[in-house]
Protein backbone atom coordinates (compact mmCIF):
# COMPACT_ATOMS: atom_id res chain seq x y z
CA GLY A 1 31.52 123.73 149.87
CA TYR A 2 34.71 125.37 147.85
CA GLY A 3 37.48 125.69 149.72
CA TYR A 4 37.25 123.13 152.30
CA GLY A 5 39.46 119.88 152.47
CA GLN A 6 41.20 120.34 149.02
CA GLY A 7 43.79 117.56 147.55
CA ALA A 8 42.87 114.16 146.73
CA GLY A 9 43.63 113.53 150.56
CA THR A 10 39.92 113.96 151.01
CA LEU A 11 38.40 112.07 147.92
CA ALA A 12 36.23 108.94 149.35
CA MET A 13 37.70 105.71 148.25
CA ASP A 14 34.15 103.80 147.53
CA GLY A 15 35.83 101.05 146.17
CA ALA A 16 39.05 98.77 145.80
CA ILE A 17 41.96 100.19 143.17
CA GLU A 18 43.79 97.62 141.50
CA ALA A 19 47.54 98.19 141.22
CA GLY A 20 49.18 98.09 138.26
CA PRO A 21 52.08 96.81 136.76
CA PRO A 22 55.24 98.47 138.45
CA LEU A 23 57.07 100.85 136.80
CA ASP A 24 60.46 100.16 134.74
CA LEU A 25 62.14 103.27 135.82
CA PRO A 26 65.52 103.90 134.35
CA SER A 27 69.01 102.90 135.85
CA THR A 28 72.07 105.18 136.31
CA SER A 29 75.44 103.52 135.49
CA THR A 30 75.51 101.87 138.92
CA GLY A 31 72.43 100.29 138.03
CA GLN A 32 69.98 101.64 140.66
CA LYS A 33 66.73 102.58 139.68
CA THR A 34 65.59 106.30 140.20
CA ALA A 35 62.56 108.11 139.95
CA PHE A 36 64.12 111.00 138.53
CA GLY A 37 64.66 110.92 134.21
CA GLY A 38 68.34 110.40 135.21
CA ALA A 39 70.09 112.81 133.13
CA ASP A 40 73.21 112.39 130.73
CA LYS A 41 76.49 113.00 133.11
CA CYS A 42 79.69 115.69 132.53
CA GLY A 43 82.73 114.42 130.79
CA MET A 44 84.46 116.27 132.75
CA CYS A 45 82.92 117.05 136.27
CA GLY A 46 80.96 113.63 136.21
CA LYS A 47 77.36 115.97 137.26
CA SER A 48 74.48 115.80 135.63
CA VAL A 49 73.71 117.64 132.71
CA TYR A 50 70.47 118.87 132.07
CA HIS A 51 69.33 120.31 128.67
CA ALA A 52 70.02 124.14 129.16
CA GLU A 53 73.43 123.57 129.74
CA ARG A 54 74.17 120.68 127.63
CA VAL A 55 77.21 120.46 125.15
CA VAL A 56 77.95 117.81 122.60
CA GLY A 57 81.22 116.91 121.80
CA ALA A 58 83.72 114.23 121.17
CA GLY A 59 81.26 111.49 121.89
CA LYS A 60 79.99 112.98 125.36
CA THR A 61 78.09 115.27 127.12
CA TRP A 62 78.88 118.67 128.51
CA HIS A 63 77.75 121.41 130.60
CA LYS A 64 78.94 124.62 129.05
CA LEU A 65 81.56 125.92 131.58
CA CYS A 66 83.17 121.99 131.50
CA PHE A 67 83.66 122.01 128.13
CA LYS A 68 87.15 123.70 127.63
CA CYS A 69 90.33 122.69 126.97
CA GLN A 70 92.46 120.45 129.24
CA ASN A 71 96.25 122.16 128.66
CA CYS A 72 94.94 125.73 128.43
CA ASN A 73 91.55 125.73 129.62
CA LYS A 74 90.10 127.89 126.85
CA SER A 75 86.69 127.64 126.08
CA LEU A 76 85.58 125.56 123.29
CA ASP A 77 82.99 124.87 120.38
CA SER A 78 81.86 122.45 117.73
CA THR A 79 84.69 124.66 115.42
CA THR A 80 87.59 124.36 117.62
CA VAL A 81 87.00 120.99 119.69
CA ARG A 82 89.46 118.00 119.23
CA ASP A 83 89.67 114.95 120.89
CA ARG A 84 92.24 112.10 122.40
CA GLU A 85 91.49 109.26 124.27
CA GLY A 86 88.38 110.51 126.22
CA ALA A 87 90.08 114.26 126.57
CA ILE A 88 89.35 117.39 124.24
CA PHE A 89 91.81 120.09 123.41
CA CYS A 90 91.82 122.90 121.23
CA LYS A 91 93.13 122.70 118.16
CA GLY A 92 96.40 125.26 118.81
CA CYS A 93 97.08 122.37 122.45
CA TYR A 94 95.78 119.28 119.96
CA GLY A 95 98.69 120.32 117.51
CA LYS A 96 101.30 120.77 119.70
CA ASN A 97 100.87 117.96 122.14
CA PHE A 98 100.27 115.11 119.58
CA GLY A 99 100.70 116.52 115.62
CA PRO A 100 103.56 115.81 113.36
CA LYS A 101 107.38 116.86 115.14
CA GLY A 102 110.49 117.99 113.17
CA TYR A 103 111.73 120.75 111.80
CA GLY A 104 109.41 122.60 110.18
CA TYR A 105 106.22 121.72 111.71
CA GLY A 106 104.05 124.32 113.96
CA GLN A 107 107.23 126.00 115.14
CA GLY A 108 106.71 129.29 113.68
CA ALA A 109 109.62 131.73 112.03
CA GLY A 110 110.66 132.44 115.51
CA ALA A 111 112.46 128.89 115.02
CA LEU A 112 113.90 129.61 111.76
CA PRO A 113 117.41 130.26 112.09
CA ILE A 114 118.97 134.08 110.60
CA THR A 115 120.87 133.99 107.82
CA LYS A 116 122.63 136.76 105.90
């Protein structure tokens, strides 16, 4: 009757079942085959990034919490991110570190001499 011996383990095997071709499982970056999807790796921490926590920027996939400036740790979004050689920065830090140098570039009014 119902309720006894539930599950596939109780099914009778009356005939031989032929096995199909082996499964072609996705490989990881180390070349190992995995049976579990193989999620993208975070550009900051290197851990798996799942769809709900995924941010794409600078050609990589990131966790939402890892998508921050390398210099000041400010959270970034698609309008504020700047990248250089795989590292991500906010607009301000990118301009300070990699922008033009010299008199009048990014120094602000505090750097101008006061004349009377």
